[in-house]
Amino acid sequence: MIKGFKAFVFRGNVIDLAVAFVVGAAFATLFGAFSEALINPLVGIVLGGGLEAGTVTINDQVIDFTTMINAILTFLITLTVIYLVIVAPMNKVRGMTGQGEIDPRPADVVLLTEIRDLLKQNQQK
């Protein structure tokens, strides 16, 4: 049972998921500070004023565009960094170790295809 669990944990997908989770949490903190220190002031400058320039007030309800812009930019930057730092190098390593593309067909379909091909070969003889 422990051997099976060990194989499950050390299979690539679980490790990839754990690394992505930890790195994503770290980048969320980093980009939160980045957006507060850099993006908010830039949006304010572009819209012509302070942070209030990124908001619209309708019937005492405030719509904050800077928060949405920050969320979109943070999401895109996080995805880009995770891809460049984790996914691309892992794909390169997998390609070098021979763990390239896996046949996307289910195992039973592959087996049935092999059986069909063998039957065709036997009928042609």
N, C-alpha and C. Protein backbone atom coordinates (compact mmCIF):
# COMPACT_ATOMS: atom_id res chain seq x y z
N MET A 1 0.82 -1.19 0.00
CA MET A 1 0.00 0.00 0.00
C MET A 1 0.87 1.26 0.00
N ILE A 2 1.92 1.26 0.80
CA ILE A 2 2.81 2.42 0.85
C ILE A 2 3.55 2.57 -0.47
N LYS A 3 3.89 1.45 -1.09
CA LYS A 3 4.58 1.50 -2.38
C LYS A 3 3.68 2.15 -3.44
N GLY A 4 2.40 1.79 -3.43
CA GLY A 4 1.45 2.39 -4.36
C GLY A 4 1.26 3.87 -4.11
N PHE A 5 1.19 4.25 -2.84
CA PHE A 5 1.05 5.67 -2.50
C PHE A 5 2.28 6.45 -2.94
N LYS A 6 3.44 5.86 -2.73
CA LYS A 6 4.70 6.50 -3.12
C LYS A 6 4.73 6.71 -4.64
N ALA A 7 4.30 5.69 -5.39
CA ALA A 7 4.26 5.81 -6.85
C ALA A 7 3.28 6.91 -7.27
N PHE A 8 2.15 6.99 -6.58
CA PHE A 8 1.16 8.01 -6.88
C PHE A 8 1.71 9.41 -6.61
N VAL A 9 2.36 9.59 -5.47
CA VAL A 9 2.86 10.91 -5.09
C VAL A 9 4.00 11.35 -6.01
N PHE A 10 4.88 10.43 -6.36
CA PHE A 10 6.04 10.81 -7.15
C PHE A 10 5.79 10.75 -8.65
N ARG A 11 4.58 10.42 -9.03
CA ARG A 11 4.23 10.52 -10.44
C ARG A 11 4.19 12.00 -10.77
N GLY A 12 4.52 12.39 -11.97
CA GLY A 12 4.69 13.78 -12.33
C GLY A 12 3.54 14.71 -12.00
N ASN A 13 2.31 14.29 -12.18
CA ASN A 13 1.18 15.20 -12.04
C ASN A 13 1.00 15.73 -10.63
N VAL A 14 1.18 14.90 -9.62
CA VAL A 14 0.99 15.35 -8.24
C VAL A 14 2.08 16.35 -7.85
N ILE A 15 3.30 16.07 -8.24
CA ILE A 15 4.39 16.99 -7.94
C ILE A 15 4.18 18.31 -8.67
N ASP A 16 3.78 18.24 -9.95
CA ASP A 16 3.50 19.46 -10.71
C ASP A 16 2.42 20.29 -10.03
N LEU A 17 1.38 19.63 -9.58
CA LEU A 17 0.27 20.33 -8.93
C LEU A 17 0.72 20.99 -7.63
N ALA A 18 1.49 20.28 -6.84
CA ALA A 18 1.96 20.84 -5.56
C ALA A 18 2.87 22.03 -5.80
N VAL A 19 3.78 21.91 -6.74
CA VAL A 19 4.69 23.02 -7.05
C VAL A 19 3.90 24.22 -7.57
N ALA A 20 2.97 23.98 -8.45
CA ALA A 20 2.16 25.07 -9.00
C ALA A 20 1.37 25.77 -7.90
N PHE A 21 0.84 25.00 -6.96
CA PHE A 21 0.08 25.59 -5.86
C PHE A 21 0.95 26.50 -5.00
N VAL A 22 2.11 26.00 -4.62
CA VAL A 22 3.01 26.79 -3.77
C VAL A 22 3.51 28.03 -4.50
N VAL A 23 3.91 27.85 -5.74
CA VAL A 23 4.41 28.98 -6.52
C VAL A 23 3.28 29.98 -6.77
N GLY A 24 2.09 29.49 -7.04
CA GLY A 24 0.95 30.38 -7.25
C GLY A 24 0.64 31.21 -6.02
N ALA A 25 0.70 30.59 -4.85
CA ALA A 25 0.46 31.34 -3.61
C ALA A 25 1.53 32.40 -3.40
N ALA A 26 2.77 32.05 -3.69
CA ALA A 26 3.86 33.03 -3.53
C ALA A 26 3.70 34.18 -4.52
N PHE A 27 3.34 33.86 -5.75
CA PHE A 27 3.17 34.91 -6.75
C PHE A 27 1.96 35.79 -6.45
N ALA A 28 0.93 35.21 -5.84
CA ALA A 28 -0.24 36.02 -5.48
C ALA A 28 0.16 37.13 -4.51
N THR A 29 0.98 36.79 -3.54
CA THR A 29 1.46 37.80 -2.58
C THR A 29 2.33 38.82 -3.29
N LEU A 30 3.25 38.34 -4.11
CA LEU A 30 4.16 39.23 -4.82
C LEU A 30 3.40 40.18 -5.73
N PHE A 31 2.45 39.67 -6.49
CA PHE A 31 1.74 40.52 -7.43
C PHE A 31 0.70 41.39 -6.75
N GLY A 32 0.25 41.00 -5.57
CA GLY A 32 -0.60 41.91 -4.79
C GLY A 32 0.16 43.17 -4.44
N ALA A 33 1.38 43.00 -3.98
CA ALA A 33 2.23 44.15 -3.67
C ALA A 33 2.59 44.92 -4.94
N PHE A 34 2.87 44.19 -6.01
CA PHE A 34 3.20 44.81 -7.29
C PHE A 34 2.06 45.69 -7.79
N SER A 35 0.84 45.18 -7.71
CA SER A 35 -0.29 45.96 -8.20
C SER A 35 -0.57 47.17 -7.32
N GLU A 36 -0.40 47.02 -6.01
CA GLU A 36 -0.62 48.16 -5.11
C GLU A 36 0.43 49.24 -5.32
N ALA A 37 1.68 48.83 -5.51
CA ALA A 37 2.77 49.79 -5.61
C ALA A 37 2.95 50.37 -7.01
N LEU A 38 2.59 49.61 -8.04
CA LEU A 38 2.88 50.07 -9.39
C LEU A 38 1.64 50.22 -10.27
N ILE A 39 0.80 49.20 -10.32
CA ILE A 39 -0.33 49.21 -11.25
C ILE A 39 -1.37 50.25 -10.85
N ASN A 40 -1.76 50.29 -9.57
CA ASN A 40 -2.75 51.28 -9.14
C ASN A 40 -2.32 52.70 -9.48
N PRO A 41 -1.10 53.12 -9.14
CA PRO A 41 -0.70 54.47 -9.50
C PRO A 41 -0.67 54.71 -11.01
N LEU A 42 -0.25 53.70 -11.79
CA LEU A 42 -0.24 53.87 -13.24
C LEU A 42 -1.65 54.03 -13.80
N VAL A 43 -2.59 53.24 -13.30
CA VAL A 43 -3.98 53.39 -13.75
C VAL A 43 -4.50 54.78 -13.38
N GLY A 44 -4.16 55.23 -12.19
CA GLY A 44 -4.55 56.58 -11.78
C GLY A 44 -3.97 57.65 -12.68
N ILE A 45 -2.71 57.48 -13.08
CA ILE A 45 -2.07 58.45 -13.98
C ILE A 45 -2.73 58.43 -15.34
N VAL A 46 -2.98 57.24 -15.88
CA VAL A 46 -3.59 57.12 -17.21
C VAL A 46 -5.00 57.70 -17.21
N LEU A 47 -5.75 57.48 -16.14
CA LEU A 47 -7.12 57.98 -16.08
C LEU A 47 -7.19 59.43 -15.60
N GLY A 48 -6.05 60.00 -15.26
CA GLY A 48 -6.00 61.42 -14.94
C GLY A 48 -6.35 61.77 -13.52
N GLY A 49 -5.70 61.21 -12.57
CA GLY A 49 -5.94 61.57 -11.17
C GLY A 49 -5.34 60.54 -10.25
N GLY A 50 -5.77 60.54 -9.01
CA GLY A 50 -5.28 59.58 -8.03
C GLY A 50 -6.00 58.26 -8.20
N LEU A 51 -6.06 57.49 -7.12
CA LEU A 51 -6.75 56.21 -7.17
C LEU A 51 -8.24 56.39 -7.42
N GLU A 52 -8.78 57.53 -7.03
CA GLU A 52 -10.20 57.78 -7.25
C GLU A 52 -10.54 57.85 -8.73
N ALA A 53 -9.52 58.10 -9.58
CA ALA A 53 -9.77 58.19 -11.01
C ALA A 53 -10.15 56.83 -11.59
N GLY A 54 -9.82 55.76 -10.93
CA GLY A 54 -10.16 54.43 -11.40
C GLY A 54 -11.49 53.93 -10.90
N THR A 55 -12.31 54.82 -10.36
CA THR A 55 -13.62 54.43 -9.83
C THR A 55 -14.71 55.29 -10.42
N VAL A 56 -15.91 54.74 -10.41
CA VAL A 56 -17.10 55.48 -10.83
C VAL A 56 -18.13 55.31 -9.72
N THR A 57 -18.77 56.40 -9.31
CA THR A 57 -19.78 56.33 -8.26
C THR A 57 -21.16 56.59 -8.88
N ILE A 58 -22.07 55.62 -8.67
CA ILE A 58 -23.44 55.74 -9.17
C ILE A 58 -24.36 55.44 -8.00
N ASN A 59 -25.20 56.41 -7.63
CA ASN A 59 -26.13 56.25 -6.50
C ASN A 59 -25.41 55.75 -5.25
N ASP A 60 -24.34 56.36 -4.90
CA ASP A 60 -23.53 56.03 -3.73
C ASP A 60 -22.89 54.64 -3.79
N GLN A 61 -22.91 54.01 -4.94
CA GLN A 61 -22.24 52.71 -5.13
C GLN A 61 -20.98 52.94 -5.96
N VAL A 62 -19.87 52.44 -5.47
CA VAL A 62 -18.58 52.67 -6.12
C VAL A 62 -18.21 51.45 -6.97
N ILE A 63 -17.94 51.70 -8.24
CA ILE A 63 -17.43 50.67 -9.14
C ILE A 63 -15.94 50.94 -9.30
N ASP A 64 -15.11 49.98 -8.89
CA ASP A 64 -13.67 50.17 -8.87
C ASP A 64 -13.02 49.41 -10.03
N PHE A 65 -12.66 50.16 -11.08
CA PHE A 65 -12.04 49.54 -12.24
C PHE A 65 -10.60 49.12 -11.98
N THR A 66 -9.91 49.82 -11.09
CA THR A 66 -8.51 49.48 -10.82
C THR A 66 -8.38 48.09 -10.21
N THR A 67 -9.34 47.70 -9.38
CA THR A 67 -9.29 46.37 -8.79
C THR A 67 -9.42 45.30 -9.87
N MET A 68 -10.33 45.50 -10.81
CA MET A 68 -10.52 44.53 -11.88
C MET A 68 -9.31 44.48 -12.81
N ILE A 69 -8.77 45.63 -13.15
CA ILE A 69 -7.58 45.67 -14.00
C ILE A 69 -6.42 44.96 -13.30
N ASN A 70 -6.26 45.22 -12.00
CA ASN A 70 -5.21 44.56 -11.23
C ASN A 70 -5.39 43.05 -11.22
N ALA A 71 -6.62 42.59 -11.03
CA ALA A 71 -6.88 41.15 -10.99
C ALA A 71 -6.55 40.49 -12.33
N ILE A 72 -6.93 41.13 -13.42
CA ILE A 72 -6.64 40.59 -14.75
C ILE A 72 -5.14 40.55 -15.00
N LEU A 73 -4.45 41.65 -14.72
CA LEU A 73 -3.00 41.69 -14.92
C LEU A 73 -2.28 40.68 -14.03
N THR A 74 -2.70 40.58 -12.78
CA THR A 74 -2.08 39.63 -11.87
C THR A 74 -2.26 38.20 -12.37
N PHE A 75 -3.46 37.89 -12.83
CA PHE A 75 -3.75 36.55 -13.35
C PHE A 75 -2.87 36.24 -14.56
N LEU A 76 -2.80 37.16 -15.51
CA LEU A 76 -2.01 36.93 -16.72
C LEU A 76 -0.52 36.83 -16.43
N ILE A 77 -0.02 37.69 -15.56
CA ILE A 77 1.40 37.65 -15.21
C ILE A 77 1.72 36.35 -14.47
N THR A 78 0.84 35.94 -13.55
CA THR A 78 1.06 34.70 -12.81
C THR A 78 1.09 33.50 -13.74
N LEU A 79 0.14 33.42 -14.67
CA LEU A 79 0.13 32.32 -15.62
C LEU A 79 1.39 32.29 -16.47
N THR A 80 1.82 33.46 -16.91
CA THR A 80 3.02 33.54 -17.74
C THR A 80 4.25 33.07 -16.98
N VAL A 81 4.41 33.55 -15.76
CA VAL A 81 5.58 33.17 -14.97
C VAL A 81 5.56 31.69 -14.63
N ILE A 82 4.41 31.15 -14.24
CA ILE A 82 4.32 29.72 -13.93
C ILE A 82 4.66 28.89 -15.17
N TYR A 83 4.17 29.32 -16.33
CA TYR A 83 4.50 28.59 -17.55
C TYR A 83 6.00 28.63 -17.83
N LEU A 84 6.59 29.81 -17.75
CA LEU A 84 8.01 29.95 -18.07
C LEU A 84 8.92 29.30 -17.05
N VAL A 85 8.54 29.32 -15.77
CA VAL A 85 9.41 28.81 -14.72
C VAL A 85 9.20 27.32 -14.46
N ILE A 86 7.97 26.82 -14.62
CA ILE A 86 7.68 25.43 -14.26
C ILE A 86 7.34 24.56 -15.47
N VAL A 87 6.35 24.96 -16.24
CA VAL A 87 5.83 24.09 -17.29
C VAL A 87 6.84 23.88 -18.41
N ALA A 88 7.40 24.95 -18.95
CA ALA A 88 8.35 24.81 -20.06
C ALA A 88 9.57 23.98 -19.68
N PRO A 89 10.22 24.25 -18.53
CA PRO A 89 11.36 23.39 -18.17
C PRO A 89 10.96 21.92 -17.93
N MET A 90 9.79 21.69 -17.31
CA MET A 90 9.35 20.30 -17.08
C MET A 90 9.11 19.59 -18.40
N ASN A 91 8.51 20.29 -19.37
CA ASN A 91 8.29 19.68 -20.68
C ASN A 91 9.62 19.35 -21.35
N LYS A 92 10.60 20.23 -21.20
CA LYS A 92 11.91 19.99 -21.78
C LYS A 92 12.57 18.77 -21.13
N VAL A 93 12.49 18.67 -19.80
CA VAL A 93 13.07 17.53 -19.09
C VAL A 93 12.35 16.24 -19.49
N ARG A 94 11.05 16.28 -19.59
CA ARG A 94 10.30 15.08 -20.00
C ARG A 94 10.68 14.65 -21.40
N GLY A 95 10.90 15.62 -22.28
CA GLY A 95 11.32 15.29 -23.64
C GLY A 95 12.69 14.64 -23.66
N MET A 96 13.59 15.08 -22.78
CA MET A 96 14.94 14.53 -22.73
C MET A 96 14.96 13.14 -22.09
N THR A 97 14.02 12.86 -21.19
CA THR A 97 14.00 11.56 -20.51
C THR A 97 13.12 10.54 -21.22
N GLY A 98 12.51 10.93 -22.33
CA GLY A 98 11.69 9.99 -23.08
C GLY A 98 10.27 9.88 -22.56
N GLN A 99 9.86 10.77 -21.68
CA GLN A 99 8.49 10.76 -21.19
C GLN A 99 7.65 11.74 -22.00
N GLY A 100 7.79 11.70 -23.29
CA GLY A 100 7.11 12.65 -24.16
C GLY A 100 5.61 12.49 -24.14
N GLU A 101 5.03 12.59 -25.30
CA GLU A 101 3.58 12.53 -25.41
C GLU A 101 3.06 11.14 -25.05
N ILE A 102 1.98 11.12 -24.33
CA ILE A 102 1.31 9.88 -23.96
C ILE A 102 0.11 9.73 -24.88
N ASP A 103 -0.15 8.50 -25.32
CA ASP A 103 -1.28 8.24 -26.19
C ASP A 103 -2.57 8.65 -25.47
N PRO A 104 -3.33 9.59 -26.05
CA PRO A 104 -4.51 10.09 -25.35
C PRO A 104 -5.69 9.11 -25.33
N ARG A 105 -5.60 8.04 -26.12
CA ARG A 105 -6.70 7.08 -26.16
C ARG A 105 -6.71 6.22 -24.91
N PRO A 106 -7.88 5.84 -24.44
CA PRO A 106 -7.96 4.95 -23.28
C PRO A 106 -7.28 3.61 -23.59
N ALA A 107 -6.81 2.94 -22.54
CA ALA A 107 -6.07 1.68 -22.71
C ALA A 107 -6.90 0.62 -23.41
N ASP A 108 -8.20 0.56 -23.14
CA ASP A 108 -9.02 -0.47 -23.78
C ASP A 108 -9.15 -0.23 -25.28
N VAL A 109 -9.18 1.04 -25.69
CA VAL A 109 -9.26 1.35 -27.12
C VAL A 109 -7.95 0.96 -27.81
N VAL A 110 -6.83 1.23 -27.16
CA VAL A 110 -5.53 0.85 -27.71
C VAL A 110 -5.45 -0.67 -27.86
N LEU A 111 -5.88 -1.39 -26.83
CA LEU A 111 -5.84 -2.85 -26.86
C LEU A 111 -6.74 -3.39 -27.97
N LEU A 112 -7.94 -2.87 -28.10
CA LEU A 112 -8.86 -3.33 -29.15
C LEU A 112 -8.30 -3.02 -30.53
N THR A 113 -7.64 -1.89 -30.69
CA THR A 113 -7.03 -1.55 -31.97
C THR A 113 -5.92 -2.54 -32.32
N GLU A 114 -5.11 -2.90 -31.33
CA GLU A 114 -4.04 -3.88 -31.56
C GLU A 114 -4.63 -5.24 -31.94
N ILE A 115 -5.69 -5.65 -31.26
CA ILE A 115 -6.35 -6.93 -31.57
C ILE A 115 -6.90 -6.91 -32.99
N ARG A 116 -7.54 -5.81 -33.37
CA ARG A 116 -8.08 -5.68 -34.72
C ARG A 116 -6.97 -5.80 -35.76
N ASP A 117 -5.86 -5.12 -35.52
CA ASP A 117 -4.75 -5.16 -36.47
C ASP A 117 -4.17 -6.57 -36.59
N LEU A 118 -4.06 -7.28 -35.46
CA LEU A 118 -3.56 -8.66 -35.50
C LEU A 118 -4.52 -9.58 -36.25
N LEU A 119 -5.82 -9.40 -36.05
CA LEU A 119 -6.81 -10.21 -36.77
C LEU A 119 -6.73 -9.95 -38.27
N LYS A 120 -6.53 -8.70 -38.67
CA LYS A 120 -6.40 -8.37 -40.09
C LYS A 120 -5.16 -9.04 -40.67
N GLN A 121 -4.07 -9.04 -39.93
CA GLN A 121 -2.84 -9.68 -40.40
C GLN A 121 -3.04 -11.18 -40.57
N ASN A 122 -3.74 -11.82 -39.64
CA ASN A 122 -3.97 -13.26 -39.72
C ASN A 122 -4.90 -13.61 -40.87
N GLN A 123 -5.87 -12.78 -41.19
CA GLN A 123 -6.80 -13.04 -42.29
C GLN A 123 -6.10 -12.90 -43.64
N GLN A 124 -5.11 -12.04 -43.72
CA GLN A 124 -4.42 -11.81 -44.99
C GLN A 124 -3.44 -12.93 -45.30
N LYS A 125 -3.07 -13.75 -44.32
CA LYS A 125 -2.10 -14.83 -44.55
C LYS A 125 -2.72 -16.02 -45.18
